[in-house]
Amino acid sequence: MTLDDCEAVAHVRVRGWQSAYAGMVPQAHLDAMSVEKGAARLRDHLARGDSAGRSLVAERGRQVIGWACYGPYRDEEGGRTAGAELYALYVLPEHHSTGVGRALTAEVLARAAADGHRRMLLWVLTENAPARRFYTKAGFAPDGTEAPFDVDGVAVPETRYFRRLSAADAAATSRG
């Protein structure tokens, strides 16, 4: 992801939230999401040179249609030994079930393994059955940890998933 991708990535994120989380998070929050504000945050993040997270984009016909971001797991209890965390994975709704999400996930897994991580964790809204199925097919499983995610003062339950990373995952970066 480059500075030139920020607006397109913000668009993917906003559309992803509005599509995936309707009925799960407050509608007012979804309605208030802004591509402009999201792009500004992304540009600020990149300008600061914050290297904790790595962002990848998926393109078709030179149009950004998907975005993934990962980095070290953000829970302080495990530190770096906890592994990597998939912070975000969104694909424009009209490109669901086309392989874009699978390709982004495979690339994230490969890069995280190549970075030396032994496992990857992620949080998914407990009610988000399509996302839970997607992650299960990608080799993730719930680890029994649940926590509320605060969205505008509303506690939205999340479930943590994990997956072990392997040498085969790391080798995929040299093939891709």
Protein backbone atom coordinates (compact mmCIF):
# COMPACT_ATOMS: atom_id res chain seq x y z
CA MET A 1 0.00 0.00 0.00
CA THR A 2 1.24 3.46 -0.90
CA LEU A 3 0.04 6.99 -0.19
CA ASP A 4 -1.70 6.91 -3.56
CA ASP A 5 -3.83 3.98 -2.35
CA CYS A 6 -5.18 5.65 0.81
CA GLU A 7 -8.47 6.90 -0.60
CA ALA A 8 -9.21 3.61 -2.38
CA VAL A 9 -8.35 1.60 0.75
CA ALA A 10 -10.57 3.85 2.88
CA HIS A 11 -13.37 3.25 0.36
CA VAL A 12 -12.88 -0.54 0.64
CA ARG A 13 -12.90 -0.31 4.45
CA VAL A 14 -16.05 1.85 4.63
CA ARG A 15 -17.94 -0.33 2.13
CA GLY A 16 -16.70 -3.43 3.93
CA TRP A 17 -17.95 -2.22 7.31
CA GLN A 18 -21.27 -1.04 5.92
CA SER A 19 -21.85 -4.35 4.14
CA ALA A 20 -20.51 -6.82 6.71
CA TYR A 21 -21.63 -5.21 9.95
CA ALA A 22 -25.15 -3.99 9.14
CA GLY A 23 -27.39 -5.11 11.99
CA MET A 24 -24.39 -5.97 14.18
CA VAL A 25 -23.08 -2.50 15.05
CA PRO A 26 -25.05 0.72 15.52
CA GLN A 27 -26.37 1.91 12.15
CA ALA A 28 -25.51 5.51 13.09
CA HIS A 29 -21.85 4.50 13.27
CA LEU A 30 -21.97 2.89 9.82
CA ASP A 31 -23.80 5.90 8.36
CA ALA A 32 -21.21 8.30 9.82
CA MET A 33 -18.20 6.50 8.31
CA SER A 34 -16.29 8.71 5.91
CA VAL A 35 -13.89 7.78 3.13
CA GLU A 36 -12.27 11.22 3.46
CA LYS A 37 -11.58 10.83 7.21
CA GLY A 38 -10.40 7.26 6.73
CA ALA A 39 -8.03 8.27 3.93
CA ALA A 40 -6.65 11.11 6.07
CA ARG A 41 -5.95 8.66 8.93
CA LEU A 42 -4.22 6.26 6.54
CA ARG A 43 -2.09 9.03 5.03
CA ASP A 44 -1.13 10.18 8.53
CA HIS A 45 -0.24 6.62 9.52
CA LEU A 46 1.99 6.18 6.45
CA ALA A 47 3.58 9.62 6.81
CA ARG A 48 4.56 8.81 10.41
CA GLY A 49 6.37 5.75 9.11
CA ASP A 50 4.66 3.55 11.68
CA SER A 51 6.12 0.18 10.73
CA ALA A 52 4.21 -1.90 13.30
CA GLY A 53 1.53 -2.80 10.76
CA ARG A 54 1.88 -3.85 7.14
CA SER A 55 -0.86 -3.15 4.61
CA LEU A 56 -1.49 -5.00 1.37
CA VAL A 57 -3.92 -4.18 -1.41
CA ALA A 58 -5.57 -6.37 -4.01
CA GLU A 59 -6.22 -4.83 -7.41
CA ARG A 60 -8.19 -5.76 -10.48
CA GLY A 61 -7.83 -3.66 -13.57
CA ARG A 62 -5.69 -1.17 -11.58
CA GLN A 63 -8.58 -0.62 -9.13
CA VAL A 64 -8.09 -1.42 -5.43
CA ILE A 65 -10.75 -3.99 -4.53
CA GLY A 66 -9.35 -5.41 -1.29
CA TRP A 67 -7.16 -4.53 1.64
CA ALA A 68 -5.51 -6.40 4.48
CA CYS A 69 -3.42 -5.14 7.37
CA TYR A 70 -1.43 -7.18 9.89
CA GLY A 71 1.34 -6.77 12.42
CA PRO A 72 2.37 -7.84 15.91
CA TYR A 73 -0.44 -8.99 18.16
CA ARG A 74 -1.69 -5.94 20.08
CA ASP A 75 -2.39 -7.60 23.43
CA GLU A 76 0.29 -6.65 25.94
CA GLU A 77 0.09 -9.95 27.85
CA GLY A 78 1.87 -11.95 25.15
CA GLY A 79 4.08 -9.34 23.51
CA ARG A 80 5.87 -10.41 20.34
CA THR A 81 5.71 -14.06 21.40
CA ALA A 82 1.93 -13.97 20.99
CA GLY A 83 2.42 -13.87 17.21
CA ALA A 84 0.99 -11.75 14.46
CA GLU A 85 -2.49 -10.29 14.29
CA LEU A 86 -4.66 -9.80 11.24
CA TYR A 87 -5.97 -6.32 12.02
CA ALA A 88 -8.20 -5.92 8.98
CA LEU A 89 -9.33 -7.77 5.87
CA TYR A 90 -11.94 -6.21 3.59
CA VAL A 91 -12.97 -6.81 0.00
CA LEU A 92 -15.50 -4.72 -1.89
CA PRO A 93 -18.86 -6.54 -1.62
CA GLU A 94 -19.17 -6.96 -5.40
CA HIS A 95 -15.90 -8.96 -5.34
CA HIS A 96 -16.89 -11.37 -2.54
CA SER A 97 -16.50 -15.06 -3.40
CA THR A 98 -14.08 -14.32 -6.25
CA GLY A 99 -10.87 -15.44 -4.51
CA VAL A 100 -9.66 -11.95 -3.59
CA GLY A 101 -10.05 -12.51 0.15
CA ARG A 102 -8.37 -15.91 -0.07
CA ALA A 103 -5.45 -14.43 -2.01
CA LEU A 104 -5.00 -11.58 0.47
CA THR A 105 -5.19 -14.01 3.39
CA ALA A 106 -2.61 -16.33 1.83
CA GLU A 107 -0.23 -13.42 1.24
CA VAL A 108 -0.67 -12.12 4.80
CA LEU A 109 -0.02 -15.60 6.23
CA ALA A 110 3.08 -16.02 4.07
CA ARG A 111 4.51 -12.63 4.98
CA ALA A 112 3.81 -13.08 8.69
CA ALA A 113 5.52 -16.48 8.63
CA ALA A 114 8.47 -15.01 6.71
CA ASP A 115 8.66 -12.29 9.38
CA GLY A 116 9.24 -15.07 11.92
CA HIS A 117 5.80 -15.29 13.48
CA ARG A 118 4.69 -18.77 14.51
CA ARG A 119 0.97 -18.05 14.71
CA MET A 120 -1.59 -15.48 13.67
CA LEU A 121 -4.55 -14.26 15.65
CA LEU A 122 -7.57 -12.20 14.66
CA TRP A 123 -10.80 -10.91 16.16
CA VAL A 124 -14.12 -11.38 14.40
CA LEU A 125 -17.57 -10.19 15.41
CA THR A 126 -19.23 -13.18 17.04
CA GLU A 127 -22.44 -12.64 15.02
CA ASN A 128 -20.57 -12.40 11.70
CA ALA A 129 -21.23 -15.94 10.47
CA PRO A 130 -19.90 -15.36 6.90
CA ALA A 131 -16.55 -14.07 8.24
CA ARG A 132 -16.32 -16.92 10.73
CA ARG A 133 -16.88 -19.45 7.91
CA PHE A 134 -14.27 -17.69 5.76
CA TYR A 135 -11.63 -17.81 8.50
CA THR A 136 -12.42 -21.43 9.35
CA LYS A 137 -11.88 -22.38 5.68
CA ALA A 138 -8.55 -20.49 5.84
CA GLY A 139 -7.40 -22.73 8.70
CA PHE A 140 -8.26 -20.50 11.66
CA ALA A 141 -10.16 -21.74 14.71
CA PRO A 142 -11.68 -20.00 17.72
CA ASP A 143 -9.41 -20.23 20.76
CA GLY A 144 -12.15 -19.72 23.35
CA THR A 145 -11.40 -16.07 24.02
CA GLU A 146 -14.25 -13.61 23.70
CA ALA A 147 -14.35 -9.89 24.48
CA PRO A 148 -16.63 -6.93 23.85
CA PHE A 149 -15.67 -4.45 21.13
CA ASP A 150 -16.95 -0.95 21.88
CA VAL A 151 -18.71 0.77 18.97
CA ASP A 152 -20.13 4.14 19.99
CA GLY A 153 -20.78 2.91 23.52
CA VAL A 154 -22.35 -0.37 22.41
CA ALA A 155 -20.56 -3.57 23.39
CA VAL A 156 -20.35 -5.82 20.33
CA PRO A 157 -19.09 -9.34 21.15
CA GLU A 158 -15.98 -10.56 19.35
CA THR A 159 -14.37 -13.99 19.22
CA ARG A 160 -10.63 -14.51 18.81
CA TYR A 161 -9.39 -16.97 16.20
CA PHE A 162 -5.88 -18.34 15.70
CA ARG A 163 -3.86 -20.30 13.19
CA ARG A 164 -0.37 -21.72 13.37
CA LEU A 165 1.99 -20.50 10.67
CA SER A 166 4.31 -22.89 8.89
CA ALA A 167 7.36 -23.01 6.67
CA ALA A 168 4.95 -23.66 3.78
CA ASP A 169 3.23 -20.34 4.54
CA ALA A 170 6.61 -18.57 4.55
CA ALA A 171 7.64 -20.22 1.26
CA ALA A 172 4.54 -18.81 -0.43
CA THR A 173 6.13 -15.33 -0.49
CA SER A 174 8.91 -16.60 -2.73
CA ARG A 175 6.31 -18.09 -5.12
CA GLY A 176 4.01 -15.06 -5.13
